[in-house]
Each structure stands twice: as C-alpha cells, then as structure tokens.
Amino acid sequence: MADDDYMSDAFLAKTVRPGLVFSRITARKYDMQRKKIESDTETRKSPSLRAKEEERRNEGLSTEIGEGNKGFALLKKMGYLEGCGLGRDD
C-alpha cells in the first residue's frame, strides 16, 4: 500500500521512461508529428506574408522605372515628360 501513496515523496521520485516505438505505423506518426512541430516553429520565426508583401511593395515604389521598360517607352512616345503628371490636370 505504500507504493500507491500519491501524497508521499516516494511517488514523485519515481522516474518514468517513455516506451520505445516498436511498430512502423507508430514511428511514422511520431515522425510526422515531430516534422509538423518543427515546420510550425520555422513558420512562426519567418516574417508574415503581409510583411513580405509590404517590403516588396516599398522596394518597388522606391525604384524608378528604367528607360528600357516598354511601358515607359510608350509613355514617352505619347508625350510624357518626367516630373509632369498624366491626365487632364497635369
């Protein structure tokens, strides 16, 4: 009866080792769970999709369109001048 006493220090001192995985199915489930946990932690560490989009947007807006761009060439042919706006109130 002394072994079943949950209030004594003897119960807390027992070390319980987890069992070994013997079947392939259990081992595969364990590996899948471990990989999922690892991928979740990697996902949390990387910046969010919204942050990546905002960074790329700011990068694109900060660079000027080059002379080799087809759209820029078309604008120049239509009379666009740098520093001026487009439209009715340019």
PDB file of N, CA and C in Angstrom:
ATOM      1  N   MET A   1       0.815  -1.174   0.000  1.00  0.00           N
ATOM      2  CA  MET A   1       0.000   0.000   0.000  1.00  0.00           C
ATOM      3  C   MET A   1       0.873   1.256   0.000  1.00  0.00           C
ATOM      4  N   ALA A   2       2.102   1.151   0.444  1.00  0.00           N
ATOM      5  CA  ALA A   2       2.989   2.308   0.473  1.00  0.00           C
ATOM      6  C   ALA A   2       3.339   2.769  -0.936  1.00  0.00           C
ATOM      7  N   ASP A   3       3.326   1.856  -1.917  1.00  0.00           N
ATOM      8  CA  ASP A   3       3.641   2.220  -3.291  1.00  0.00           C
ATOM      9  C   ASP A   3       2.525   3.038  -3.935  1.00  0.00           C
ATOM     10  N   ASP A   4       1.303   2.896  -3.433  1.00  0.00           N
ATOM     11  CA  ASP A   4       0.171   3.598  -4.013  1.00  0.00           C
ATOM     12  C   ASP A   4      -0.110   4.927  -3.332  1.00  0.00           C
ATOM     13  N   ASP A   5       0.736   5.326  -2.413  1.00  0.00           N
ATOM     14  CA  ASP A   5       0.511   6.575  -1.701  1.00  0.00           C
ATOM     15  C   ASP A   5       0.942   7.740  -2.599  1.00  0.00           C
ATOM     16  N   TYR A   6      -0.039   8.446  -3.139  1.00  0.00           N
ATOM     17  CA  TYR A   6       0.243   9.535  -4.073  1.00  0.00           C
ATOM     18  C   TYR A   6       0.699  10.811  -3.396  1.00  0.00           C
ATOM     19  N   MET A   7       0.578  10.881  -2.101  1.00  0.00           N
ATOM     20  CA  MET A   7       0.955  12.082  -1.376  1.00  0.00           C
ATOM     21  C   MET A   7       2.383  12.025  -0.843  1.00  0.00           C
ATOM     22  N   SER A   8       3.051  10.900  -0.976  1.00  0.00           N
ATOM     23  CA  SER A   8       4.404  10.783  -0.424  1.00  0.00           C
ATOM     24  C   SER A   8       5.447  11.201  -1.455  1.00  0.00           C
ATOM     25  N   ASP A   9       6.667  11.430  -0.983  1.00  0.00           N
ATOM     26  CA  ASP A   9       7.775  11.786  -1.863  1.00  0.00           C
ATOM     27  C   ASP A   9       8.223  10.608  -2.708  1.00  0.00           C
ATOM     28  N   ALA A  10       7.980   9.414  -2.252  1.00  0.00           N
ATOM     29  CA  ALA A  10       8.399   8.224  -2.988  1.00  0.00           C
ATOM     30  C   ALA A  10       7.715   8.160  -4.350  1.00  0.00           C
ATOM     31  N   PHE A  11       6.466   8.586  -4.416  1.00  0.00           N
ATOM     32  CA  PHE A  11       5.736   8.567  -5.686  1.00  0.00           C
ATOM     33  C   PHE A  11       6.332   9.574  -6.665  1.00  0.00           C
ATOM     34  N   LEU A  12       6.727  10.731  -6.174  1.00  0.00           N
ATOM     35  CA  LEU A  12       7.304  11.760  -7.029  1.00  0.00           C
ATOM     36  C   LEU A  12       8.722  11.422  -7.471  1.00  0.00           C
ATOM     37  N   ALA A  13       9.418  10.629  -6.706  1.00  0.00           N
ATOM     38  CA  ALA A  13      10.799  10.291  -7.010  1.00  0.00           C
ATOM     39  C   ALA A  13      10.909   9.256  -8.126  1.00  0.00           C
ATOM     40  N   LYS A  14       9.840   8.553  -8.435  1.00  0.00           N
ATOM     41  CA  LYS A  14       9.878   7.538  -9.485  1.00  0.00           C
ATOM     42  C   LYS A  14      10.121   8.212 -10.826  1.00  0.00           C
ATOM     43  N   THR A  15      10.987   7.632 -11.616  1.00  0.00           N
ATOM     44  CA  THR A  15      11.235   8.135 -12.957  1.00  0.00           C
ATOM     45  C   THR A  15      10.522   7.223 -13.938  1.00  0.00           C
ATOM     46  N   VAL A  16       9.790   7.823 -14.798  1.00  0.00           N
ATOM     47  CA  VAL A  16       9.051   7.064 -15.795  1.00  0.00           C
ATOM     48  C   VAL A  16       9.671   7.363 -17.145  1.00  0.00           C
ATOM     49  N   ARG A  17      10.144   6.323 -17.798  1.00  0.00           N
ATOM     50  CA  ARG A  17      10.736   6.475 -19.113  1.00  0.00           C
ATOM     51  C   ARG A  17       9.665   6.194 -20.155  1.00  0.00           C
ATOM     52  N   PRO A  18       9.608   6.985 -21.203  1.00  0.00           N
ATOM     53  CA  PRO A  18       8.624   6.710 -22.240  1.00  0.00           C
ATOM     54  C   PRO A  18       8.977   5.416 -22.969  1.00  0.00           C
ATOM     55  N   GLY A  19       7.988   4.750 -23.434  1.00  0.00           N
ATOM     56  CA  GLY A  19       8.210   3.485 -24.125  1.00  0.00           C
ATOM     57  C   GLY A  19       8.818   3.703 -25.489  1.00  0.00           C
ATOM     58  N   LEU A  20       9.472   2.706 -25.983  1.00  0.00           N
ATOM     59  CA  LEU A  20      10.064   2.771 -27.307  1.00  0.00           C
ATOM     60  C   LEU A  20       8.993   2.498 -28.349  1.00  0.00           C
ATOM     61  N   VAL A  21       9.197   3.044 -29.531  1.00  0.00           N
ATOM     62  CA  VAL A  21       8.259   2.857 -30.623  1.00  0.00           C
ATOM     63  C   VAL A  21       8.650   1.575 -31.351  1.00  0.00           C
ATOM     64  N   PHE A  22       7.735   0.618 -31.379  1.00  0.00           N
ATOM     65  CA  PHE A  22       8.064  -0.659 -31.978  1.00  0.00           C
ATOM     66  C   PHE A  22       7.449  -0.840 -33.360  1.00  0.00           C
ATOM     67  N   SER A  23       6.297  -0.297 -33.613  1.00  0.00           N
ATOM     68  CA  SER A  23       5.663  -0.520 -34.907  1.00  0.00           C
ATOM     69  C   SER A  23       6.007   0.600 -35.876  1.00  0.00           C
ATOM     70  N   ARG A  24       5.952   0.293 -37.160  1.00  0.00           N
ATOM     71  CA  ARG A  24       6.242   1.293 -38.182  1.00  0.00           C
ATOM     72  C   ARG A  24       5.194   2.402 -38.186  1.00  0.00           C
ATOM     73  N   ILE A  25       3.959   2.008 -37.987  1.00  0.00           N
ATOM     74  CA  ILE A  25       2.873   2.982 -38.018  1.00  0.00           C
ATOM     75  C   ILE A  25       3.049   4.012 -36.908  1.00  0.00           C
ATOM     76  N   THR A  26       3.358   3.544 -35.716  1.00  0.00           N
ATOM     77  CA  THR A  26       3.547   4.457 -34.593  1.00  0.00           C
ATOM     78  C   THR A  26       4.777   5.328 -34.819  1.00  0.00           C
ATOM     79  N   ALA A  27       5.849   4.737 -35.347  1.00  0.00           N
ATOM     80  CA  ALA A  27       7.060   5.508 -35.626  1.00  0.00           C
ATOM     81  C   ALA A  27       6.783   6.571 -36.675  1.00  0.00           C
ATOM     82  N   ARG A  28       6.009   6.228 -37.708  1.00  0.00           N
ATOM     83  CA  ARG A  28       5.681   7.188 -38.765  1.00  0.00           C
ATOM     84  C   ARG A  28       4.832   8.326 -38.211  1.00  0.00           C
ATOM     85  N   LYS A  29       3.857   8.011 -37.371  1.00  0.00           N
ATOM     86  CA  LYS A  29       3.027   9.045 -36.758  1.00  0.00           C
ATOM     87  C   LYS A  29       3.873   9.975 -35.894  1.00  0.00           C
ATOM     88  N   TYR A  30       4.817   9.388 -35.157  1.00  0.00           N
ATOM     89  CA  TYR A  30       5.699  10.182 -34.299  1.00  0.00           C
ATOM     90  C   TYR A  30       6.551  11.123 -35.155  1.00  0.00           C
ATOM     91  N   ASP A  31       7.112  10.610 -36.260  1.00  0.00           N
ATOM     92  CA  ASP A  31       7.935  11.436 -37.144  1.00  0.00           C
ATOM     93  C   ASP A  31       7.123  12.554 -37.793  1.00  0.00           C
ATOM     94  N   MET A  32       5.903  12.242 -38.220  1.00  0.00           N
ATOM     95  CA  MET A  32       5.052  13.266 -38.837  1.00  0.00           C
ATOM     96  C   MET A  32       4.722  14.365 -37.843  1.00  0.00           C
ATOM     97  N   GLN A  33       4.447  13.987 -36.613  1.00  0.00           N
ATOM     98  CA  GLN A  33       4.133  14.969 -35.581  1.00  0.00           C
ATOM     99  C   GLN A  33       5.353  15.844 -35.284  1.00  0.00           C
ATOM    100  N   ARG A  34       6.524  15.227 -35.223  1.00  0.00           N
ATOM    101  CA  ARG A  34       7.759  15.975 -34.963  1.00  0.00           C
ATOM    102  C   ARG A  34       8.036  16.961 -36.097  1.00  0.00           C
ATOM    103  N   LYS A  35       7.870  16.523 -37.363  1.00  0.00           N
ATOM    104  CA  LYS A  35       8.106  17.400 -38.506  1.00  0.00           C
ATOM    105  C   LYS A  35       7.119  18.556 -38.530  1.00  0.00           C
ATOM    106  N   LYS A  36       5.874  18.296 -38.161  1.00  0.00           N
ATOM    107  CA  LYS A  36       4.861  19.351 -38.127  1.00  0.00           C
ATOM    108  C   LYS A  36       5.223  20.402 -37.088  1.00  0.00           C
ATOM    109  N   ILE A  37       5.671  19.961 -35.935  1.00  0.00           N
ATOM    110  CA  ILE A  37       6.064  20.898 -34.880  1.00  0.00           C
ATOM    111  C   ILE A  37       7.250  21.737 -35.337  1.00  0.00           C
ATOM    112  N   GLU A  38       8.235  21.098 -36.001  1.00  0.00           N
ATOM    113  CA  GLU A  38       9.405  21.833 -36.489  1.00  0.00           C
ATOM    114  C   GLU A  38       9.012  22.853 -37.554  1.00  0.00           C
ATOM    115  N   SER A  39       8.137  22.458 -38.492  1.00  0.00           N
ATOM    116  CA  SER A  39       7.736  23.392 -39.541  1.00  0.00           C
ATOM    117  C   SER A  39       6.916  24.547 -38.966  1.00  0.00           C
ATOM    118  N   ASP A  40       6.108  24.271 -37.943  1.00  0.00           N
ATOM    119  CA  ASP A  40       5.335  25.337 -37.308  1.00  0.00           C
ATOM    120  C   ASP A  40       6.244  26.357 -36.640  1.00  0.00           C
ATOM    121  N   THR A  41       7.305  25.882 -35.996  1.00  0.00           N
ATOM    122  CA  THR A  41       8.217  26.823 -35.342  1.00  0.00           C
ATOM    123  C   THR A  41       8.983  27.637 -36.380  1.00  0.00           C
ATOM    124  N   GLU A  42       9.343  27.025 -37.528  1.00  0.00           N
ATOM    125  CA  GLU A  42      10.025  27.768 -38.582  1.00  0.00           C
ATOM    126  C   GLU A  42       9.098  28.823 -39.175  1.00  0.00           C
ATOM    127  N   THR A  43       7.829  28.467 -39.325  1.00  0.00           N
ATOM    128  CA  THR A  43       6.856  29.398 -39.884  1.00  0.00           C
ATOM    129  C   THR A  43       6.672  30.596 -38.963  1.00  0.00           C
ATOM    130  N   ARG A  44       6.662  30.354 -37.687  1.00  0.00           N
ATOM    131  CA  ARG A  44       6.491  31.455 -36.734  1.00  0.00           C
ATOM    132  C   ARG A  44       7.687  32.389 -36.739  1.00  0.00           C
ATOM    133  N   LYS A  45       8.876  31.849 -37.001  1.00  0.00           N
ATOM    134  CA  LYS A  45      10.082  32.678 -36.996  1.00  0.00           C
ATOM    135  C   LYS A  45      10.161  33.557 -38.233  1.00  0.00           C
ATOM    136  N   SER A  46       9.680  33.063 -39.375  1.00  0.00           N
ATOM    137  CA  SER A  46       9.781  33.841 -40.604  1.00  0.00           C
ATOM    138  C   SER A  46       8.748  34.962 -40.602  1.00  0.00           C
ATOM    139  N   PRO A  47       9.042  36.052 -41.307  1.00  0.00           N
ATOM    140  CA  PRO A  47       8.091  37.162 -41.335  1.00  0.00           C
ATOM    141  C   PRO A  47       6.798  36.745 -42.023  1.00  0.00           C
ATOM    142  N   SER A  48       5.724  37.387 -41.673  1.00  0.00           N
ATOM    143  CA  SER A  48       4.427  37.030 -42.219  1.00  0.00           C
ATOM    144  C   SER A  48       4.339  37.427 -43.689  1.00  0.00           C
ATOM    145  N   LEU A  49       3.362  36.872 -44.356  1.00  0.00           N
ATOM    146  CA  LEU A  49       3.158  37.151 -45.774  1.00  0.00           C
ATOM    147  C   LEU A  49       2.857  38.630 -45.986  1.00  0.00           C
ATOM    148  N   ARG A  50       2.078  39.197 -45.098  1.00  0.00           N
ATOM    149  CA  ARG A  50       1.741  40.618 -45.213  1.00  0.00           C
ATOM    150  C   ARG A  50       2.999  41.482 -45.104  1.00  0.00           C
ATOM    151  N   ALA A  51       3.906  41.132 -44.197  1.00  0.00           N
ATOM    152  CA  ALA A  51       5.143  41.903 -44.041  1.00  0.00           C
ATOM    153  C   ALA A  51       6.021  41.774 -45.283  1.00  0.00           C
ATOM    154  N   LYS A  52       6.082  40.566 -45.851  1.00  0.00           N
ATOM    155  CA  LYS A  52       6.866  40.368 -47.075  1.00  0.00           C
ATOM    156  C   LYS A  52       6.292  41.180 -48.230  1.00  0.00           C
ATOM    157  N   GLU A  53       4.954  41.170 -48.369  1.00  0.00           N
ATOM    158  CA  GLU A  53       4.317  41.942 -49.439  1.00  0.00           C
ATOM    159  C   GLU A  53       4.590  43.434 -49.284  1.00  0.00           C
ATOM    160  N   GLU A  54       4.488  43.931 -48.065  1.00  0.00           N
ATOM    161  CA  GLU A  54       4.720  45.355 -47.826  1.00  0.00           C
ATOM    162  C   GLU A  54       6.171  45.731 -48.136  1.00  0.00           C
ATOM    163  N   GLU A  55       7.100  44.858 -47.768  1.00  0.00           N
ATOM    164  CA  GLU A  55       8.518  45.114 -48.044  1.00  0.00           C
ATOM    165  C   GLU A  55       8.771  45.174 -49.549  1.00  0.00           C
ATOM    166  N   ARG A  56       8.207  44.216 -50.293  1.00  0.00           N
ATOM    167  CA  ARG A  56       8.397  44.201 -51.749  1.00  0.00           C
ATOM    168  C   ARG A  56       7.725  45.409 -52.402  1.00  0.00           C
ATOM    169  N   ARG A  57       6.549  45.802 -51.903  1.00  0.00           N
ATOM    170  CA  ARG A  57       5.837  46.961 -52.450  1.00  0.00           C
ATOM    171  C   ARG A  57       6.664  48.221 -52.250  1.00  0.00           C
ATOM    172  N   ASN A  58       7.190  48.413 -51.049  1.00  0.00           N
ATOM    173  CA  ASN A  58       8.015  49.595 -50.774  1.00  0.00           C
ATOM    174  C   ASN A  58       9.274  49.600 -51.618  1.00  0.00           C
ATOM    175  N   GLU A  59       9.846  48.432 -51.812  1.00  0.00           N
ATOM    176  CA  GLU A  59      11.045  48.338 -52.651  1.00  0.00           C
ATOM    177  C   GLU A  59      10.716  48.727 -54.088  1.00  0.00           C
ATOM    178  N   GLY A  60       9.591  48.255 -54.606  1.00  0.00           N
ATOM    179  CA  GLY A  60       9.187  48.578 -55.971  1.00  0.00           C
ATOM    180  C   GLY A  60       8.848  50.042 -56.144  1.00  0.00           C
ATOM    181  N   LEU A  61       8.214  50.627 -55.146  1.00  0.00           N
ATOM    182  CA  LEU A  61       7.848  52.037 -55.250  1.00  0.00           C
ATOM    183  C   LEU A  61       9.046  52.965 -55.113  1.00  0.00           C
ATOM    184  N   SER A  62      10.090  52.506 -54.459  1.00  0.00           N
ATOM    185  CA  SER A  62      11.256  53.366 -54.267  1.00  0.00           C
ATOM    186  C   SER A  62      12.175  53.382 -55.483  1.00  0.00           C
ATOM    187  N   THR A  63      12.074  52.408 -56.370  1.00  0.00           N
ATOM    188  CA  THR A  63      12.930  52.381 -57.561  1.00  0.00           C
ATOM    189  C   THR A  63      12.197  53.024 -58.736  1.00  0.00           C
ATOM    190  N   GLU A  64      12.948  53.726 -59.561  1.00  0.00           N
ATOM    191  CA  GLU A  64      12.372  54.370 -60.735  1.00  0.00           C
ATOM    192  C   GLU A  64      12.276  53.382 -61.885  1.00  0.00           C
ATOM    193  N   ILE A  65      11.346  53.672 -62.797  1.00  0.00           N
ATOM    194  CA  ILE A  65      11.204  52.831 -63.987  1.00  0.00           C
ATOM    195  C   ILE A  65      12.339  53.186 -64.938  1.00  0.00           C
ATOM    196  N   GLY A  66      13.018  52.174 -65.448  1.00  0.00           N
ATOM    197  CA  GLY A  66      14.161  52.408 -66.323  1.00  0.00           C
ATOM    198  C   GLY A  66      13.746  52.743 -67.746  1.00  0.00           C
ATOM    199  N   GLU A  67      14.691  53.251 -68.522  1.00  0.00           N
ATOM    200  CA  GLU A  67      14.442  53.616 -69.922  1.00  0.00           C
ATOM    201  C   GLU A  67      14.132  52.396 -70.772  1.00  0.00           C
ATOM    202  N   GLY A  68      14.588  51.225 -70.365  1.00  0.00           N
ATOM    203  CA  GLY A  68      14.375  50.008 -71.152  1.00  0.00           C
ATOM    204  C   GLY A  68      12.994  49.411 -70.973  1.00  0.00           C
ATOM    205  N   ASN A  69      12.187  49.952 -70.078  1.00  0.00           N
ATOM    206  CA  ASN A  69      10.849  49.430 -69.825  1.00  0.00           C
ATOM    207  C   ASN A  69       9.926  49.780 -70.991  1.00  0.00           C
ATOM    208  N   LYS A  70       9.168  48.805 -71.494  1.00  0.00           N
ATOM    209  CA  LYS A  70       8.296  49.036 -72.650  1.00  0.00           C
ATOM    210  C   LYS A  70       7.190  50.042 -72.323  1.00  0.00           C
ATOM    211  N   GLY A  71       6.642  49.953 -71.126  1.00  0.00           N
ATOM    212  CA  GLY A  71       5.593  50.883 -70.732  1.00  0.00           C
ATOM    213  C   GLY A  71       6.100  52.310 -70.681  1.00  0.00           C
ATOM    214  N   PHE A  72       7.310  52.481 -70.190  1.00  0.00           N
ATOM    215  CA  PHE A  72       7.902  53.821 -70.107  1.00  0.00           C
ATOM    216  C   PHE A  72       8.158  54.365 -71.505  1.00  0.00           C
ATOM    217  N   ALA A  73       8.610  53.488 -72.413  1.00  0.00           N
ATOM    218  CA  ALA A  73       8.848  53.914 -73.792  1.00  0.00           C
ATOM    219  C   ALA A  73       7.536  54.369 -74.444  1.00  0.00           C
ATOM    220  N   LEU A  74       6.442  53.665 -74.204  1.00  0.00           N
ATOM    221  CA  LEU A  74       5.149  54.063 -74.761  1.00  0.00           C
ATOM    222  C   LEU A  74       4.699  55.410 -74.202  1.00  0.00           C
ATOM    223  N   LEU A  75       4.899  55.610 -72.901  1.00  0.00           N
ATOM    224  CA  LEU A  75       4.536  56.901 -72.308  1.00  0.00           C
ATOM    225  C   LEU A  75       5.326  58.041 -72.934  1.00  0.00           C
ATOM    226  N   LYS A  76       6.607  57.819 -73.172  1.00  0.00           N
ATOM    227  CA  LYS A  76       7.449  58.858 -73.789  1.00  0.00           C
ATOM    228  C   LYS A  76       6.952  59.179 -75.193  1.00  0.00           C
ATOM    229  N   LYS A  77       6.542  58.136 -75.957  1.00  0.00           N
ATOM    230  CA  LYS A  77       6.034  58.367 -77.311  1.00  0.00           C
ATOM    231  C   LYS A  77       4.733  59.169 -77.287  1.00  0.00           C
ATOM    232  N   MET A  78       3.954  59.007 -76.213  1.00  0.00           N
ATOM    233  CA  MET A  78       2.695  59.738 -76.108  1.00  0.00           C
ATOM    234  C   MET A  78       2.889  61.142 -75.545  1.00  0.00           C
ATOM    235  N   GLY A  79       4.118  61.511 -75.213  1.00  0.00           N
ATOM    236  CA  GLY A  79       4.384  62.869 -74.791  1.00  0.00           C
ATOM    237  C   GLY A  79       4.599  63.046 -73.300  1.00  0.00           C
ATOM    238  N   TYR A  80       4.847  61.991 -72.583  1.00  0.00           N
ATOM    239  CA  TYR A  80       5.084  62.106 -71.144  1.00  0.00           C
ATOM    240  C   TYR A  80       6.431  62.761 -70.888  1.00  0.00           C
ATOM    241  N   LEU A  81       6.458  63.699 -69.963  1.00  0.00           N
ATOM    242  CA  LEU A  81       7.697  64.333 -69.543  1.00  0.00           C
ATOM    243  C   LEU A  81       7.907  64.034 -68.075  1.00  0.00           C
ATOM    244  N   GLU A  82       9.141  63.765 -67.696  1.00  0.00           N
ATOM    245  CA  GLU A  82       9.434  63.445 -66.295  1.00  0.00           C
ATOM    246  C   GLU A  82       9.134  64.655 -65.427  1.00  0.00           C
ATOM    247  N   GLY A  83       8.514  64.400 -64.290  1.00  0.00           N
ATOM    248  CA  GLY A  83       8.161  65.459 -63.364  1.00  0.00           C
ATOM    249  C   GLY A  83       6.772  65.999 -63.583  1.00  0.00           C
ATOM    250  N   CYS A  84       6.168  65.703 -64.720  1.00  0.00           N
ATOM    251  CA  CYS A  84       4.810  66.151 -65.010  1.00  0.00           C
ATOM    252  C   CYS A  84       3.854  64.999 -64.754  1.00  0.00           C
ATOM    253  N   GLY A  85       2.612  65.327 -64.473  1.00  0.00           N
ATOM    254  CA  GLY A  85       1.619  64.298 -64.243  1.00  0.00           C
ATOM    255  C   GLY A  85       0.957  63.864 -65.535  1.00  0.00           C
ATOM    256  N   LEU A  86       0.092  62.898 -65.415  1.00  0.00           N
ATOM    257  CA  LEU A  86      -0.688  62.431 -66.562  1.00  0.00           C
ATOM    258  C   LEU A  86      -2.134  62.833 -66.375  1.00  0.00           C
ATOM    259  N   GLY A  87      -2.830  63.001 -67.458  1.00  0.00           N
ATOM    260  CA  GLY A  87      -4.250  63.270 -67.367  1.00  0.00           C
ATOM    261  C   GLY A  87      -4.597  64.710 -67.653  1.00  0.00           C
ATOM    262  N   ARG A  88      -5.781  65.085 -67.291  1.00  0.00           N
ATOM    263  CA  ARG A  88      -6.346  66.392 -67.622  1.00  0.00           C
ATOM    264  C   ARG A  88      -5.649  67.525 -66.876  1.00  0.00           C
ATOM    265  N   ASP A  89      -5.379  67.319 -65.592  1.00  0.00           N
ATOM    266  CA  ASP A  89      -4.801  68.400 -64.792  1.00  0.00           C
ATOM    267  C   ASP A  89      -3.303  68.203 -64.595  1.00  0.00           C
ATOM    268  N   ASP A  90      -2.575  67.943 -65.650  1.00  0.00           N
ATOM    269  CA  ASP A  90      -1.135  67.718 -65.497  1.00  0.00           C
ATOM    270  C   ASP A  90      -0.459  69.027 -65.390  1.00  0.00           C
TER     271      ASP A  90
END
